[in-house]
Amino acid sequence: MLTQHAEQRIQQRSISESSIDLLTTYGEVDYHRGAEIYFFSKRSWNRLCRDKACSTQQKDKLKNCYAVLADGRVITVGHKTHRFKQGRH
């Protein structure tokens, strides 16, 4: 389920809902201030590529994406421009 804010960000940043599904299925999760942040680490990215879960074109767009979820709802999505710090709680 998407919040209104997430719907706007998906449109603005050209991130598809299927990309969010791949993030939540294959991506790593980190917890920060009560929210879940899904992103691709090297290990999760390799698992996605090994399973051939999406097209090469979609992989190019997906590699640096992240999604923030709280209470099972997508709050926002974006493209990483820097490395996330691990272990923030």
PDB file of N, CA and C in Angstrom:
ATOM      1  N   MET A   1       0.843  -1.170   0.000  1.00  0.00           N
ATOM      2  CA  MET A   1       0.000   0.000   0.000  1.00  0.00           C
ATOM      3  C   MET A   1       0.898   1.247   0.000  1.00  0.00           C
ATOM      4  N   LEU A   2       0.503   2.236  -0.741  1.00  0.00           N
ATOM      5  CA  LEU A   2       1.289   3.458  -0.900  1.00  0.00           C
ATOM      6  C   LEU A   2       0.606   4.642  -0.233  1.00  0.00           C
ATOM      7  N   THR A   3       1.402   5.503   0.371  1.00  0.00           N
ATOM      8  CA  THR A   3       0.861   6.762   0.861  1.00  0.00           C
ATOM      9  C   THR A   3       0.773   7.731  -0.327  1.00  0.00           C
ATOM     10  N   GLN A   4       0.065   8.819  -0.143  1.00  0.00           N
ATOM     11  CA  GLN A   4      -0.044   9.824  -1.204  1.00  0.00           C
ATOM     12  C   GLN A   4       1.343  10.387  -1.526  1.00  0.00           C
ATOM     13  N   HIS A   5       2.155  10.580  -0.498  1.00  0.00           N
ATOM     14  CA  HIS A   5       3.517  11.081  -0.695  1.00  0.00           C
ATOM     15  C   HIS A   5       4.325  10.108  -1.552  1.00  0.00           C
ATOM     16  N   ALA A   6       4.210   8.812  -1.261  1.00  0.00           N
ATOM     17  CA  ALA A   6       4.943   7.795  -2.030  1.00  0.00           C
ATOM     18  C   ALA A   6       4.486   7.782  -3.487  1.00  0.00           C
ATOM     19  N   GLU A   7       3.202   7.931  -3.726  1.00  0.00           N
ATOM     20  CA  GLU A   7       2.697   7.964  -5.105  1.00  0.00           C
ATOM     21  C   GLU A   7       3.317   9.129  -5.876  1.00  0.00           C
ATOM     22  N   GLN A   8       3.430  10.280  -5.224  1.00  0.00           N
ATOM     23  CA  GLN A   8       4.056  11.435  -5.871  1.00  0.00           C
ATOM     24  C   GLN A   8       5.522  11.152  -6.183  1.00  0.00           C
ATOM     25  N   ARG A   9       6.239  10.583  -5.221  1.00  0.00           N
ATOM     26  CA  ARG A   9       7.666  10.309  -5.414  1.00  0.00           C
ATOM     27  C   ARG A   9       7.896   9.246  -6.477  1.00  0.00           C
ATOM     28  N   ILE A  10       7.041   8.256  -6.550  1.00  0.00           N
ATOM     29  CA  ILE A  10       7.154   7.225  -7.585  1.00  0.00           C
ATOM     30  C   ILE A  10       7.051   7.871  -8.962  1.00  0.00           C
ATOM     31  N   GLN A  11       6.104   8.753  -9.107  1.00  0.00           N
ATOM     32  CA  GLN A  11       5.921   9.434 -10.386  1.00  0.00           C
ATOM     33  C   GLN A  11       7.083  10.376 -10.681  1.00  0.00           C
ATOM     34  N   GLN A  12       7.498  11.162  -9.716  1.00  0.00           N
ATOM     35  CA  GLN A  12       8.571  12.133  -9.922  1.00  0.00           C
ATOM     36  C   GLN A  12       9.905  11.463 -10.231  1.00  0.00           C
ATOM     37  N   ARG A  13      10.155  10.313  -9.611  1.00  0.00           N
ATOM     38  CA  ARG A  13      11.467   9.667  -9.719  1.00  0.00           C
ATOM     39  C   ARG A  13      11.470   8.478 -10.660  1.00  0.00           C
ATOM     40  N   SER A  14      10.366   8.261 -11.349  1.00  0.00           N
ATOM     41  CA  SER A  14      10.252   7.186 -12.354  1.00  0.00           C
ATOM     42  C   SER A  14      10.638   5.827 -11.788  1.00  0.00           C
ATOM     43  N   ILE A  15      10.074   5.507 -10.636  1.00  0.00           N
ATOM     44  CA  ILE A  15      10.286   4.209 -10.017  1.00  0.00           C
ATOM     45  C   ILE A  15       8.956   3.472 -10.055  1.00  0.00           C
ATOM     46  N   SER A  16       8.958   2.288 -10.635  1.00  0.00           N
ATOM     47  CA  SER A  16       7.708   1.550 -10.799  1.00  0.00           C
ATOM     48  C   SER A  16       7.346   0.787  -9.524  1.00  0.00           C
ATOM     49  N   GLU A  17       6.075   0.439  -9.400  1.00  0.00           N
ATOM     50  CA  GLU A  17       5.626  -0.342  -8.255  1.00  0.00           C
ATOM     51  C   GLU A  17       6.233  -1.738  -8.292  1.00  0.00           C
ATOM     52  N   SER A  18       6.489  -2.272  -9.484  1.00  0.00           N
ATOM     53  CA  SER A  18       7.140  -3.586  -9.572  1.00  0.00           C
ATOM     54  C   SER A  18       8.574  -3.509  -9.046  1.00  0.00           C
ATOM     55  N   SER A  19       9.217  -2.362  -9.203  1.00  0.00           N
ATOM     56  CA  SER A  19      10.550  -2.170  -8.636  1.00  0.00           C
ATOM     57  C   SER A  19      10.503  -2.197  -7.112  1.00  0.00           C
ATOM     58  N   ILE A  20       9.462  -1.621  -6.543  1.00  0.00           N
ATOM     59  CA  ILE A  20       9.297  -1.640  -5.092  1.00  0.00           C
ATOM     60  C   ILE A  20       9.077  -3.071  -4.614  1.00  0.00           C
ATOM     61  N   ASP A  21       8.307  -3.841  -5.372  1.00  0.00           N
ATOM     62  CA  ASP A  21       8.100  -5.249  -5.024  1.00  0.00           C
ATOM     63  C   ASP A  21       9.424  -6.009  -5.026  1.00  0.00           C
ATOM     64  N   LEU A  22      10.268  -5.754  -6.026  1.00  0.00           N
ATOM     65  CA  LEU A  22      11.580  -6.405  -6.078  1.00  0.00           C
ATOM     66  C   LEU A  22      12.463  -5.973  -4.914  1.00  0.00           C
ATOM     67  N   LEU A  23      12.403  -4.697  -4.559  1.00  0.00           N
ATOM     68  CA  LEU A  23      13.163  -4.199  -3.412  1.00  0.00           C
ATOM     69  C   LEU A  23      12.760  -4.911  -2.124  1.00  0.00           C
ATOM     70  N   THR A  24      11.465  -5.035  -1.897  1.00  0.00           N
ATOM     71  CA  THR A  24      11.007  -5.653  -0.656  1.00  0.00           C
ATOM     72  C   THR A  24      11.211  -7.163  -0.658  1.00  0.00           C
ATOM     73  N   THR A  25      11.290  -7.770  -1.829  1.00  0.00           N
ATOM     74  CA  THR A  25      11.515  -9.210  -1.916  1.00  0.00           C
ATOM     75  C   THR A  25      12.990  -9.561  -1.817  1.00  0.00           C
ATOM     76  N   TYR A  26      13.838  -8.854  -2.556  1.00  0.00           N
ATOM     77  CA  TYR A  26      15.253  -9.195  -2.657  1.00  0.00           C
ATOM     78  C   TYR A  26      16.178  -8.290  -1.851  1.00  0.00           C
ATOM     79  N   GLY A  27      15.752  -7.099  -1.531  1.00  0.00           N
ATOM     80  CA  GLY A  27      16.635  -6.124  -0.901  1.00  0.00           C
ATOM     81  C   GLY A  27      16.920  -6.401   0.561  1.00  0.00           C
ATOM     82  N   GLU A  28      17.954  -5.761   1.054  1.00  0.00           N
ATOM     83  CA  GLU A  28      18.292  -5.796   2.476  1.00  0.00           C
ATOM     84  C   GLU A  28      17.376  -4.794   3.181  1.00  0.00           C
ATOM     85  N   VAL A  29      17.144  -5.032   4.451  1.00  0.00           N
ATOM     86  CA  VAL A  29      16.325  -4.103   5.228  1.00  0.00           C
ATOM     87  C   VAL A  29      17.151  -3.598   6.409  1.00  0.00           C
ATOM     88  N   ASP A  30      17.034  -2.311   6.653  1.00  0.00           N
ATOM     89  CA  ASP A  30      17.656  -1.680   7.809  1.00  0.00           C
ATOM     90  C   ASP A  30      16.552  -0.906   8.514  1.00  0.00           C
ATOM     91  N   TYR A  31      16.641  -0.797   9.813  1.00  0.00           N
ATOM     92  CA  TYR A  31      15.606  -0.121  10.585  1.00  0.00           C
ATOM     93  C   TYR A  31      16.147   1.197  11.099  1.00  0.00           C
ATOM     94  N   HIS A  32      15.356   2.249  10.932  1.00  0.00           N
ATOM     95  CA  HIS A  32      15.770   3.570  11.386  1.00  0.00           C
ATOM     96  C   HIS A  32      14.545   4.330  11.871  1.00  0.00           C
ATOM     97  N   ARG A  33      14.545   4.677  13.132  1.00  0.00           N
ATOM     98  CA  ARG A  33      13.463   5.460  13.740  1.00  0.00           C
ATOM     99  C   ARG A  33      12.079   4.869  13.482  1.00  0.00           C
ATOM    100  N   GLY A  34      11.969   3.563  13.603  1.00  0.00           N
ATOM    101  CA  GLY A  34      10.681   2.892  13.455  1.00  0.00           C
ATOM    102  C   GLY A  34      10.284   2.577  12.028  1.00  0.00           C
ATOM    103  N   ALA A  35      11.098   2.936  11.070  1.00  0.00           N
ATOM    104  CA  ALA A  35      10.785   2.666   9.660  1.00  0.00           C
ATOM    105  C   ALA A  35      11.745   1.609   9.116  1.00  0.00           C
ATOM    106  N   GLU A  36      11.302   0.909   8.098  1.00  0.00           N
ATOM    107  CA  GLU A  36      12.131  -0.082   7.415  1.00  0.00           C
ATOM    108  C   GLU A  36      12.647   0.542   6.129  1.00  0.00           C
ATOM    109  N   ILE A  37      13.953   0.481   5.916  1.00  0.00           N
ATOM    110  CA  ILE A  37      14.551   1.014   4.691  1.00  0.00           C
ATOM    111  C   ILE A  37      15.055  -0.169   3.876  1.00  0.00           C
ATOM    112  N   TYR A  38      14.503  -0.351   2.690  1.00  0.00           N
ATOM    113  CA  TYR A  38      14.908  -1.431   1.791  1.00  0.00           C
ATOM    114  C   TYR A  38      15.839  -0.871   0.731  1.00  0.00           C
ATOM    115  N   PHE A  39      16.932  -1.586   0.492  1.00  0.00           N
ATOM    116  CA  PHE A  39      17.922  -1.176  -0.503  1.00  0.00           C
ATOM    117  C   PHE A  39      18.677  -2.425  -0.950  1.00  0.00           C
ATOM    118  N   PHE A  40      19.483  -2.293  -1.985  1.00  0.00           N
ATOM    119  CA  PHE A  40      20.265  -3.426  -2.474  1.00  0.00           C
ATOM    120  C   PHE A  40      21.703  -3.334  -1.988  1.00  0.00           C
ATOM    121  N   SER A  41      22.127  -4.360  -1.270  1.00  0.00           N
ATOM    122  CA  SER A  41      23.534  -4.530  -0.925  1.00  0.00           C
ATOM    123  C   SER A  41      24.149  -5.383  -2.043  1.00  0.00           C
ATOM    124  N   LYS A  42      25.443  -5.597  -1.992  1.00  0.00           N
ATOM    125  CA  LYS A  42      26.078  -6.449  -3.002  1.00  0.00           C
ATOM    126  C   LYS A  42      25.483  -7.850  -2.971  1.00  0.00           C
ATOM    127  N   ARG A  43      25.269  -8.374  -1.766  1.00  0.00           N
ATOM    128  CA  ARG A  43      24.737  -9.732  -1.630  1.00  0.00           C
ATOM    129  C   ARG A  43      23.313  -9.844  -2.169  1.00  0.00           C
ATOM    130  N   SER A  44      22.449  -8.893  -1.822  1.00  0.00           N
ATOM    131  CA  SER A  44      21.061  -8.958  -2.293  1.00  0.00           C
ATOM    132  C   SER A  44      20.979  -8.682  -3.799  1.00  0.00           C
ATOM    133  N   TRP A  45      21.853  -7.818  -4.304  1.00  0.00           N
ATOM    134  CA  TRP A  45      21.893  -7.538  -5.741  1.00  0.00           C
ATOM    135  C   TRP A  45      22.301  -8.794  -6.517  1.00  0.00           C
ATOM    136  N   ASN A  46      23.300  -9.514  -6.000  1.00  0.00           N
ATOM    137  CA  ASN A  46      23.734 -10.752  -6.644  1.00  0.00           C
ATOM    138  C   ASN A  46      22.629 -11.801  -6.637  1.00  0.00           C
ATOM    139  N   ARG A  47      21.850 -11.861  -5.553  1.00  0.00           N
ATOM    140  CA  ARG A  47      20.728 -12.800  -5.474  1.00  0.00           C
ATOM    141  C   ARG A  47      19.671 -12.451  -6.519  1.00  0.00           C
ATOM    142  N   LEU A  48      19.368 -11.174  -6.688  1.00  0.00           N
ATOM    143  CA  LEU A  48      18.405 -10.726  -7.697  1.00  0.00           C
ATOM    144  C   LEU A  48      18.878 -11.104  -9.098  1.00  0.00           C
ATOM    145  N   CYS A  49      20.149 -10.856  -9.384  1.00  0.00           N
ATOM    146  CA  CYS A  49      20.697 -11.172 -10.706  1.00  0.00           C
ATOM    147  C   CYS A  49      20.712 -12.676 -10.952  1.00  0.00           C
ATOM    148  N   ARG A  50      21.048 -13.443  -9.930  1.00  0.00           N
ATOM    149  CA  ARG A  50      21.103 -14.901 -10.064  1.00  0.00           C
ATOM    150  C   ARG A  50      19.719 -15.476 -10.366  1.00  0.00           C
ATOM    151  N   ASP A  51      18.689 -14.935  -9.729  1.00  0.00           N
ATOM    152  CA  ASP A  51      17.324 -15.427  -9.938  1.00  0.00           C
ATOM    153  C   ASP A  51      16.697 -14.898 -11.222  1.00  0.00           C
ATOM    154  N   LYS A  52      17.355 -13.946 -11.879  1.00  0.00           N
ATOM    155  CA  LYS A  52      16.849 -13.335 -13.116  1.00  0.00           C
ATOM    156  C   LYS A  52      15.392 -12.898 -12.952  1.00  0.00           C
ATOM    157  N   ALA A  53      15.155 -12.141 -11.883  1.00  0.00           N
ATOM    158  CA  ALA A  53      13.808 -11.722 -11.517  1.00  0.00           C
ATOM    159  C   ALA A  53      13.286 -10.540 -12.323  1.00  0.00           C
ATOM    160  N   CYS A  54      14.162  -9.871 -13.097  1.00  0.00           N
ATOM    161  CA  CYS A  54      13.713  -8.727 -13.885  1.00  0.00           C
ATOM    162  C   CYS A  54      14.605  -8.562 -15.115  1.00  0.00           C
ATOM    163  N   SER A  55      14.179  -7.684 -16.000  1.00  0.00           N
ATOM    164  CA  SER A  55      14.923  -7.449 -17.236  1.00  0.00           C
ATOM    165  C   SER A  55      16.180  -6.625 -16.958  1.00  0.00           C
ATOM    166  N   THR A  56      17.108  -6.645 -17.883  1.00  0.00           N
ATOM    167  CA  THR A  56      18.345  -5.884 -17.760  1.00  0.00           C
ATOM    168  C   THR A  56      18.050  -4.389 -17.671  1.00  0.00           C
ATOM    169  N   GLN A  57      17.085  -3.929 -18.452  1.00  0.00           N
ATOM    170  CA  GLN A  57      16.723  -2.512 -18.429  1.00  0.00           C
ATOM    171  C   GLN A  57      16.176  -2.110 -17.058  1.00  0.00           C
ATOM    172  N   GLN A  58      15.356  -2.962 -16.464  1.00  0.00           N
ATOM    173  CA  GLN A  58      14.804  -2.645 -15.151  1.00  0.00           C
ATOM    174  C   GLN A  58      15.909  -2.683 -14.092  1.00  0.00           C
ATOM    175  N   LYS A  59      16.867  -3.606 -14.235  1.00  0.00           N
ATOM    176  CA  LYS A  59      17.980  -3.683 -13.284  1.00  0.00           C
ATOM    177  C   LYS A  59      18.780  -2.392 -13.267  1.00  0.00           C
ATOM    178  N   ASP A  60      19.009  -1.805 -14.439  1.00  0.00           N
ATOM    179  CA  ASP A  60      19.770  -0.558 -14.511  1.00  0.00           C
ATOM    180  C   ASP A  60      19.100   0.546 -13.695  1.00  0.00           C
ATOM    181  N   LYS A  61      17.779   0.622 -13.749  1.00  0.00           N
ATOM    182  CA  LYS A  61      17.047   1.650 -13.003  1.00  0.00           C
ATOM    183  C   LYS A  61      16.951   1.317 -11.517  1.00  0.00           C
ATOM    184  N   LEU A  62      16.995   0.033 -11.206  1.00  0.00           N
ATOM    185  CA  LEU A  62      16.716  -0.431  -9.861  1.00  0.00           C
ATOM    186  C   LEU A  62      17.912  -0.416  -8.927  1.00  0.00           C
ATOM    187  N   LYS A  63      19.110  -0.477  -9.460  1.00  0.00           N
ATOM    188  CA  LYS A  63      20.298  -0.709  -8.644  1.00  0.00           C
ATOM    189  C   LYS A  63      20.454   0.273  -7.484  1.00  0.00           C
ATOM    190  N   ASN A  64      20.196   1.535  -7.675  1.00  0.00           N
ATOM    191  CA  ASN A  64      20.404   2.538  -6.621  1.00  0.00           C
ATOM    192  C   ASN A  64      19.118   3.033  -5.970  1.00  0.00           C
ATOM    193  N   CYS A  65      18.042   2.266  -6.104  1.00  0.00           N
ATOM    194  CA  CYS A  65      16.765   2.668  -5.500  1.00  0.00           C
ATOM    195  C   CYS A  65      16.688   2.244  -4.046  1.00  0.00           C
ATOM    196  N   TYR A  66      15.855   2.951  -3.305  1.00  0.00           N
ATOM    197  CA  TYR A  66      15.520   2.542  -1.953  1.00  0.00           C
ATOM    198  C   TYR A  66      14.052   2.860  -1.691  1.00  0.00           C
ATOM    199  N   ALA A  67      13.487   2.177  -0.704  1.00  0.00           N
ATOM    200  CA  ALA A  67      12.103   2.409  -0.310  1.00  0.00           C
ATOM    201  C   ALA A  67      12.033   2.444   1.211  1.00  0.00           C
ATOM    202  N   VAL A  68      11.231   3.354   1.725  1.00  0.00           N
ATOM    203  CA  VAL A  68      11.033   3.473   3.164  1.00  0.00           C
ATOM    204  C   VAL A  68       9.600   3.061   3.472  1.00  0.00           C
ATOM    205  N   LEU A  69       9.453   2.074   4.364  1.00  0.00           N
ATOM    206  CA  LEU A  69       8.146   1.571   4.747  1.00  0.00           C
ATOM    207  C   LEU A  69       7.938   1.721   6.241  1.00  0.00           C
ATOM    208  N   ALA A  70       6.710   1.982   6.630  1.00  0.00           N
ATOM    209  CA  ALA A  70       6.324   2.014   8.044  1.00  0.00           C
ATOM    210  C   ALA A  70       4.923   1.435   8.140  1.00  0.00           C
ATOM    211  N   ASP A  71       4.725   0.533   9.072  1.00  0.00           N
ATOM    212  CA  ASP A  71       3.428  -0.115   9.266  1.00  0.00           C
ATOM    213  C   ASP A  71       2.923  -0.776   7.985  1.00  0.00           C
ATOM    214  N   GLY A  72       3.825  -1.332   7.185  1.00  0.00           N
ATOM    215  CA  GLY A  72       3.442  -2.030   5.966  1.00  0.00           C
ATOM    216  C   GLY A  72       3.083  -1.125   4.798  1.00  0.00           C
ATOM    217  N   ARG A  73       3.249   0.174   4.955  1.00  0.00           N
ATOM    218  CA  ARG A  73       2.919   1.129   3.889  1.00  0.00           C
ATOM    219  C   ARG A  73       4.197   1.782   3.381  1.00  0.00           C
ATOM    220  N   VAL A  74       4.260   1.996   2.074  1.00  0.00           N
ATOM    221  CA  VAL A  74       5.410   2.672   1.488  1.00  0.00           C
ATOM    222  C   VAL A  74       5.262   4.159   1.775  1.00  0.00           C
ATOM    223  N   ILE A  75       6.272   4.721   2.443  1.00  0.00           N
ATOM    224  CA  ILE A  75       6.253   6.137   2.810  1.00  0.00           C
ATOM    225  C   ILE A  75       6.875   6.984   1.708  1.00  0.00           C
ATOM    226  N   THR A  76       8.047   6.560   1.228  1.00  0.00           N
ATOM    227  CA  THR A  76       8.723   7.281   0.158  1.00  0.00           C
ATOM    228  C   THR A  76       9.688   6.349  -0.556  1.00  0.00           C
ATOM    229  N   VAL A  77      10.112   6.758  -1.733  1.00  0.00           N
ATOM    230  CA  VAL A  77      11.101   6.026  -2.523  1.00  0.00           C
ATOM    231  C   VAL A  77      12.085   7.037  -3.093  1.00  0.00           C
ATOM    232  N   GLY A  78      13.251   6.554  -3.471  1.00  0.00           N
ATOM    233  CA  GLY A  78      14.233   7.465  -4.050  1.00  0.00           C
ATOM    234  C   GLY A  78      15.408   6.717  -4.632  1.00  0.00           C
ATOM    235  N   HIS A  79      16.385   7.479  -5.077  1.00  0.00           N
ATOM    236  CA  HIS A  79      17.626   6.946  -5.629  1.00  0.00           C
ATOM    237  C   HIS A  79      18.752   7.307  -4.674  1.00  0.00           C
ATOM    238  N   LYS A  80      19.540   6.319  -4.286  1.00  0.00           N
ATOM    239  CA  LYS A  80      20.658   6.588  -3.380  1.00  0.00           C
ATOM    240  C   LYS A  80      21.722   7.398  -4.101  1.00  0.00           C
ATOM    241  N   THR A  81      22.221   8.428  -3.436  1.00  0.00           N
ATOM    242  CA  THR A  81      23.333   9.199  -3.978  1.00  0.00           C
ATOM    243  C   THR A  81      24.580   9.010  -3.127  1.00  0.00           C
ATOM    244  N   HIS A  82      24.413   8.358  -1.975  1.00  0.00           N
ATOM    245  CA  HIS A  82      25.543   8.040  -1.105  1.00  0.00           C
ATOM    246  C   HIS A  82      25.238   6.739  -0.368  1.00  0.00           C
ATOM    247  N   ARG A  83      26.244   6.183   0.235  1.00  0.00           N
ATOM    248  CA  ARG A  83      26.115   4.914   0.941  1.00  0.00           C
ATOM    249  C   ARG A  83      25.329   5.102   2.232  1.00  0.00           C
ATOM    250  N   PHE A  84      24.415   4.154   2.527  1.00  0.00           N
ATOM    251  CA  PHE A  84      23.680   4.192   3.782  1.00  0.00           C
ATOM    252  C   PHE A  84      24.558   3.662   4.899  1.00  0.00           C
ATOM    253  N   LYS A  85      24.440   4.265   6.069  1.00  0.00           N
ATOM    254  CA  LYS A  85      25.129   3.767   7.245  1.00  0.00           C
ATOM    255  C   LYS A  85      24.347   2.569   7.791  1.00  0.00           C
ATOM    256  N   GLN A  86      25.028   1.507   8.104  1.00  0.00           N
ATOM    257  CA  GLN A  86      24.381   0.307   8.631  1.00  0.00           C
ATOM    258  C   GLN A  86      24.254   0.390  10.148  1.00  0.00           C
ATOM    259  N   GLY A  87      23.269  -0.303  10.673  1.00  0.00           N
ATOM    260  CA  GLY A  87      23.132  -0.452  12.106  1.00  0.00           C
ATOM    261  C   GLY A  87      22.584   0.759  12.851  1.00  0.00           C
ATOM    262  N   ARG A  88      21.841   1.628  12.163  1.00  0.00           N
ATOM    263  CA  ARG A  88      21.209   2.765  12.837  1.00  0.00           C
ATOM    264  C   ARG A  88      19.875   2.283  13.401  1.00  0.00           C
ATOM    265  N   HIS A  89      19.626   2.548  14.657  1.00  0.00           N
ATOM    266  CA  HIS A  89      18.341   2.116  15.242  1.00  0.00           C
ATOM    267  C   HIS A  89      17.696   3.226  15.960  1.00  0.00           C
TER     268      HIS A  89
END
